[in-house]
Amino acid sequence: MSAHNDGLPEDPAGMKLMIHALVDGELDAAAALAVERRIAADAALAAEHARTLALQTAVGGLPRPDVRDDFKARIAAIGTADTTKVVSTPARDGPMLPARRAMRRFGAFDWRALAASIVVTAVLASGATQWVMLSRAPDSFAAAVASGHRRSLLAASPVDVVSSDRHTVKPWLDARVGLSPPAPDLANDGFTLLGGRVEVIADRPVPALVYRHREHLITLVAAPEDTGSTTVPVDLSAGGFSLVHWSDSAFSYWAISDTERPELDDFVNRFRTAAAR
C-alpha cells in the first residue's frame, strides 16, 4: 500500500515525472494538489521542483531562433526524399522480422516534423544549458522565491507572525533574521499586510512579508543588497506566477503572486514609493 495513500508514485523517478507534469500544466486539479502537497513536505522534491521551474523559465525566456529560408528548404527537402523504397521491399525469406516491421512503420513518419523537432530541441537545449551555466539556475534566487511562495500557499498559514502592524512584524523579523525590510501599510491602496515569515534561501535566512490583494497573496522577499546598488523593477514572471525583482541601496526585493502582472506592478510601485518615504 502507498505510504502516502495519494495515488502518486513512491519512487524518486516517478515523482520526478509527476513534478515535470505539474510544471507543464498536464495534471488535473486533484493530481496537481497531491503533487504540491508532496513537494511541501519533502525538501528533495521541493529542490527538484525549483530546478524544473528554473529550467522552464530559462527556456521560456530564450529568443526565437531566426531560421534562414535556405535552411527551411533543406529541412523540407528531407521530407520529400523517397524513403519508402528502403523499407517497403517484402521479405523473401520467411515472415517479416520485428525490426523490419518497425522500419516499415517508421518509413511512414513525417520526416519534416522529426527534423524540425530535432533542430528546435538542439537550439533550446544549447540556450538553456548556457543560461543554467551563467545563472546557476538550480540555485537561483528567483526559483527559490517561487518555490517558497508555492509552499506558503499550501501551508496552514502563509505567515509565521500574523499582524497588519509593521511595529509588530518588523521587530519579529529582526529578532530572528537580524534585519527587517520596510513594511509600509498599504491597506488604503488595496494591499493589506498579513504578517511575515522567514525564508531559507541558499542556506541563508531572509525576511519575507506577505500582503493580500483581494483573493491573492503577494510574497515580498527582501535580501540584503551587498553592493549598495539600485535597480529598476525587472519582470521575471514564469510558471503561472507574476514575479518582479528590483533593489534599493539596502535590500534586493522579489515580489511574487498569482495575481495579474499589472496588479503586481501596482503593488511594487506603491511599495517603492512608501519605502522611499
Protein backbone atom coordinates (compact mmCIF):
# COMPACT_ATOMS: atom_id res chain seq x y z
CA MET A 1 0.00 0.00 0.00
CA SER A 2 1.24 3.52 -0.76
CA ALA A 3 3.00 5.20 2.15
CA HIS A 4 1.20 8.45 1.30
CA ASN A 5 -2.10 6.95 0.13
CA ASP A 6 -2.46 9.65 -2.52
CA GLY A 7 -2.12 7.52 -5.65
CA LEU A 8 1.22 9.04 -6.64
CA PRO A 9 4.42 7.08 -7.35
CA GLU A 10 6.62 6.24 -4.37
CA ASP A 11 9.90 6.05 -6.31
CA PRO A 12 12.01 9.19 -6.96
CA ALA A 13 11.97 8.72 -10.73
CA GLY A 14 8.18 8.53 -10.79
CA MET A 15 7.81 11.64 -8.65
CA LYS A 16 10.26 13.49 -10.88
CA LEU A 17 7.98 12.78 -13.85
CA MET A 18 4.99 13.98 -11.84
CA ILE A 19 6.80 17.23 -10.97
CA HIS A 20 7.58 17.83 -14.64
CA ALA A 21 3.91 17.17 -15.48
CA LEU A 22 2.88 19.66 -12.78
CA VAL A 23 5.16 22.38 -14.12
CA ASP A 24 3.93 21.73 -17.67
CA GLY A 25 0.29 22.02 -16.57
CA GLU A 26 -0.54 18.45 -17.59
CA LEU A 27 -2.20 17.33 -14.33
CA ASP A 28 -5.81 17.67 -13.30
CA ALA A 29 -6.64 19.67 -10.18
CA ALA A 30 -6.67 16.69 -7.80
CA ALA A 31 -3.35 15.29 -9.02
CA ALA A 32 -1.73 18.72 -9.02
CA LEU A 33 -2.79 19.30 -5.42
CA ALA A 34 -1.43 15.89 -4.38
CA VAL A 35 1.93 16.60 -6.01
CA GLU A 36 2.11 20.05 -4.42
CA ARG A 37 1.46 18.52 -1.00
CA ARG A 38 4.33 16.07 -1.55
CA ILE A 39 6.58 18.98 -2.57
CA ALA A 40 5.64 20.97 0.51
CA ALA A 41 6.54 18.04 2.78
CA ASP A 42 9.76 16.89 1.09
CA ALA A 43 12.85 19.10 0.74
CA ALA A 44 14.32 16.96 -2.05
CA LEU A 45 11.12 17.20 -4.09
CA ALA A 46 10.97 20.95 -3.41
CA ALA A 47 14.52 21.30 -4.76
CA GLU A 48 13.64 19.28 -7.86
CA HIS A 49 10.55 21.42 -8.36
CA ALA A 50 12.66 24.60 -8.08
CA ARG A 51 15.16 23.25 -10.62
CA THR A 52 12.38 22.38 -13.04
CA LEU A 53 10.77 25.81 -12.69
CA ALA A 54 14.15 27.47 -13.26
CA LEU A 55 14.73 25.46 -16.42
CA GLN A 56 11.23 26.30 -17.67
CA THR A 57 11.97 29.98 -17.02
CA ALA A 58 15.25 29.69 -18.93
CA VAL A 59 13.68 28.01 -21.95
CA GLY A 60 10.68 30.34 -21.93
CA GLY A 61 12.95 33.37 -21.97
CA LEU A 62 15.04 32.27 -24.92
CA PRO A 63 14.62 34.30 -28.11
CA ARG A 64 13.01 32.57 -31.06
CA PRO A 65 15.68 31.33 -33.45
CA ASP A 66 15.88 33.15 -36.77
CA VAL A 67 15.86 30.28 -39.26
CA ARG A 68 17.07 31.19 -42.75
CA ASP A 69 14.94 30.36 -45.79
CA ASP A 70 17.64 28.17 -47.31
CA PHE A 71 17.77 26.11 -44.13
CA LYS A 72 13.98 25.69 -44.18
CA ALA A 73 14.25 24.49 -47.77
CA ARG A 74 16.84 21.89 -46.76
CA ILE A 75 14.55 20.61 -43.99
CA ALA A 76 11.61 20.44 -46.42
CA ALA A 77 13.79 18.51 -48.89
CA ILE A 78 14.34 15.81 -46.28
CA GLY A 79 10.62 15.21 -46.17
CA THR A 80 10.35 14.83 -49.92
CA ALA A 81 13.12 12.24 -50.12
CA ASP A 82 11.87 8.79 -51.12
CA THR A 83 12.47 6.65 -48.05
CA THR A 84 9.79 4.09 -48.72
CA LYS A 85 11.94 2.02 -51.08
CA VAL A 86 14.27 1.09 -48.28
CA VAL A 87 11.57 -0.26 -46.03
CA SER A 88 8.79 -1.43 -48.34
CA THR A 89 10.51 -4.38 -50.03
CA PRO A 90 8.67 -7.55 -48.99
CA ALA A 91 10.63 -10.20 -47.17
CA ARG A 92 11.70 -13.06 -49.43
CA ASP A 93 12.72 -15.48 -46.74
CA GLY A 94 10.08 -16.18 -44.14
CA PRO A 95 7.93 -13.76 -42.17
CA MET A 96 8.96 -10.16 -41.71
CA LEU A 97 11.20 -9.64 -38.70
CA PRO A 98 10.03 -7.31 -35.90
CA ALA A 99 12.82 -4.85 -36.67
CA ARG A 100 11.77 -4.68 -40.31
CA ARG A 101 8.13 -4.16 -39.31
CA ALA A 102 9.28 -1.28 -37.15
CA MET A 103 11.22 0.16 -40.09
CA ARG A 104 8.11 -0.06 -42.27
CA ARG A 105 6.11 1.88 -39.69
CA PHE A 106 8.92 4.40 -39.30
CA GLY A 107 9.04 4.91 -43.05
CA ALA A 108 5.58 6.49 -42.89
CA PHE A 109 6.72 9.01 -40.28
CA ASP A 110 6.72 12.70 -41.17
CA TRP A 111 10.43 13.37 -41.59
CA ARG A 112 9.89 17.11 -41.79
CA ALA A 113 8.32 17.14 -38.34
CA LEU A 114 11.13 14.98 -36.97
CA ALA A 115 13.85 17.18 -38.47
CA ALA A 116 12.19 20.35 -37.26
CA SER A 117 11.79 18.98 -33.75
CA ILE A 118 15.46 18.00 -33.67
CA VAL A 119 16.51 21.49 -34.73
CA VAL A 120 14.28 23.21 -32.17
CA THR A 121 15.36 20.84 -29.40
CA ALA A 122 19.02 21.43 -30.17
CA VAL A 123 18.59 25.21 -30.14
CA LEU A 124 16.61 25.21 -26.90
CA ALA A 125 18.92 22.76 -25.20
CA SER A 126 22.05 24.71 -26.06
CA GLY A 127 20.50 28.00 -25.00
CA ALA A 128 19.08 26.56 -21.78
CA THR A 129 22.43 24.99 -20.94
CA GLN A 130 24.17 28.33 -21.41
CA TRP A 131 21.56 30.09 -19.23
CA VAL A 132 21.92 27.49 -16.49
CA MET A 133 25.71 27.76 -16.53
CA LEU A 134 25.65 31.56 -16.40
CA SER A 135 22.84 31.93 -13.89
CA ARG A 136 23.24 28.69 -11.93
CA ALA A 137 19.51 28.18 -12.39
CA PRO A 138 19.09 25.25 -9.95
CA ASP A 139 20.29 27.55 -7.11
CA SER A 140 18.87 30.78 -8.47
CA PHE A 141 17.21 33.14 -6.04
CA ALA A 142 14.17 33.54 -8.28
CA ALA A 143 13.49 29.80 -8.36
CA ALA A 144 13.84 29.59 -4.59
CA VAL A 145 11.46 32.51 -4.09
CA ALA A 146 8.89 30.86 -6.38
CA SER A 147 9.23 27.57 -4.52
CA GLY A 148 8.79 29.25 -1.15
CA HIS A 149 5.72 31.14 -2.31
CA ARG A 150 4.14 27.97 -3.66
CA ARG A 151 4.78 26.15 -0.36
CA SER A 152 3.24 29.04 1.58
CA LEU A 153 0.02 28.68 -0.43
CA LEU A 154 -0.22 25.05 0.71
CA ALA A 155 0.62 25.72 4.36
CA ALA A 156 -1.95 26.17 7.11
CA SER A 157 -0.80 29.80 7.33
CA PRO A 158 1.36 31.73 4.83
CA VAL A 159 2.97 33.72 7.68
CA ASP A 160 4.85 32.93 10.89
CA VAL A 161 3.80 36.15 12.61
CA VAL A 162 0.24 37.34 11.97
CA SER A 163 -0.14 41.10 12.16
CA SER A 164 -1.05 44.05 9.98
CA ASP A 165 1.04 46.33 12.20
CA ARG A 166 4.58 46.90 10.93
CA HIS A 167 5.62 47.71 14.50
CA THR A 168 4.92 44.07 15.30
CA VAL A 169 6.17 42.43 12.11
CA LYS A 170 9.49 44.28 11.81
CA PRO A 171 10.73 43.57 15.36
CA TRP A 172 9.70 39.92 15.00
CA LEU A 173 11.73 39.54 11.79
CA ASP A 174 14.67 41.50 13.19
CA ALA A 175 14.82 39.22 16.24
CA ARG A 176 15.04 36.10 14.08
CA VAL A 177 16.96 37.22 10.99
CA GLY A 178 18.89 40.21 12.27
CA LEU A 179 17.28 42.63 9.82
CA SER A 180 13.87 43.64 8.57
CA PRO A 181 12.76 45.45 5.41
CA PRO A 182 10.29 48.33 5.28
CA ALA A 183 6.75 47.11 5.87
CA PRO A 184 4.52 50.01 4.84
CA ASP A 185 0.79 49.99 5.48
CA LEU A 186 -0.79 49.83 2.03
CA ALA A 187 -4.31 48.81 3.14
CA ASN A 188 -5.83 52.02 1.77
CA ASP A 189 -4.31 51.13 -1.61
CA GLY A 190 -5.87 47.64 -1.58
CA PHE A 191 -2.83 45.74 -0.30
CA THR A 192 -3.22 44.55 3.30
CA LEU A 193 -0.20 43.42 5.30
CA LEU A 194 -0.91 39.95 6.72
CA GLY A 195 2.41 39.42 8.51
CA GLY A 196 5.82 37.96 7.85
CA ARG A 197 7.83 34.78 7.78
CA VAL A 198 11.42 33.61 7.46
CA GLU A 199 12.56 32.02 4.21
CA VAL A 200 15.78 30.00 3.96
CA ILE A 201 17.41 30.53 0.56
CA ALA A 202 20.90 29.27 -0.30
CA ASP A 203 21.32 28.27 3.37
CA ARG A 204 20.67 31.85 4.48
CA PRO A 205 17.58 33.05 6.36
CA VAL A 206 15.92 36.07 4.75
CA PRO A 207 12.80 38.01 5.76
CA ALA A 208 9.58 37.82 3.79
CA LEU A 209 6.46 39.96 4.04
CA VAL A 210 3.03 38.78 2.92
CA TYR A 211 0.32 41.09 1.61
CA ARG A 212 -3.21 40.27 0.46
CA HIS A 213 -4.81 41.84 -2.60
CA ARG A 214 -8.41 40.71 -2.99
CA GLU A 215 -8.16 36.89 -3.04
CA HIS A 216 -4.46 36.85 -3.98
CA LEU A 217 -1.38 36.68 -1.76
CA ILE A 218 1.79 38.60 -2.52
CA THR A 219 5.08 37.41 -1.06
CA LEU A 220 7.83 40.01 -0.81
CA VAL A 221 11.27 38.56 -0.07
CA ALA A 222 13.98 41.06 0.91
CA ALA A 223 17.65 40.07 0.87
CA PRO A 224 20.46 42.42 1.93
CA GLU A 225 21.85 44.42 -1.01
CA ASP A 226 25.56 43.87 -0.52
CA THR A 227 26.66 46.14 -3.37
CA GLY A 228 24.52 49.10 -2.34
CA SER A 229 23.25 49.44 -5.89
CA THR A 230 19.78 50.44 -7.05
CA THR A 231 17.94 48.74 -9.91
CA VAL A 232 14.55 49.29 -11.54
CA PRO A 233 11.86 46.57 -11.44
CA VAL A 234 12.53 43.68 -13.82
CA ASP A 235 9.90 41.16 -14.96
CA LEU A 236 10.84 37.53 -14.20
CA SER A 237 7.32 36.09 -14.45
CA ALA A 238 7.06 32.37 -15.28
CA GLY A 239 5.25 29.18 -14.35
CA GLY A 240 1.87 30.85 -13.76
CA PHE A 241 3.26 33.42 -11.30
CA SER A 242 3.99 37.12 -11.71
CA LEU A 243 7.48 37.85 -10.37
CA VAL A 244 9.22 41.24 -10.20
CA HIS A 245 12.74 41.97 -8.94
CA TRP A 246 14.32 45.31 -8.01
CA SER A 247 16.72 46.70 -5.44
CA ASP A 248 17.48 49.83 -3.46
CA SER A 249 20.64 50.66 -1.57
CA ALA A 250 19.65 48.44 1.36
CA PHE A 251 17.65 45.48 0.04
CA SER A 252 17.15 43.36 -3.05
CA TYR A 253 13.42 42.69 -3.40
CA TRP A 254 11.50 39.84 -5.03
CA ALA A 255 7.69 40.23 -5.25
CA ILE A 256 5.72 37.20 -6.42
CA SER A 257 2.00 36.43 -6.72
CA ASP A 258 -0.54 34.59 -8.84
CA THR A 259 -2.30 37.90 -9.48
CA GLU A 260 -2.13 39.56 -12.88
CA ARG A 261 1.08 41.36 -13.73
CA PRO A 262 -0.46 44.91 -13.83
CA GLU A 263 -1.78 44.41 -10.28
CA LEU A 264 1.64 43.25 -9.06
CA ASP A 265 3.22 46.24 -10.82
CA ASP A 266 0.79 48.49 -8.94
CA PHE A 267 1.85 46.89 -5.65
CA VAL A 268 5.54 47.28 -6.48
CA ASN A 269 5.13 50.95 -7.37
CA ARG A 270 3.18 51.71 -4.20
CA PHE A 271 5.62 49.74 -2.03
CA ARG A 272 8.65 51.51 -3.53
CA THR A 273 7.05 54.91 -3.04
CA ALA A 274 6.11 54.18 0.57
CA ALA A 275 9.51 52.61 1.37
CA ALA A 276 11.33 55.64 -0.03
CA ARG A 277 9.48 57.84 2.45
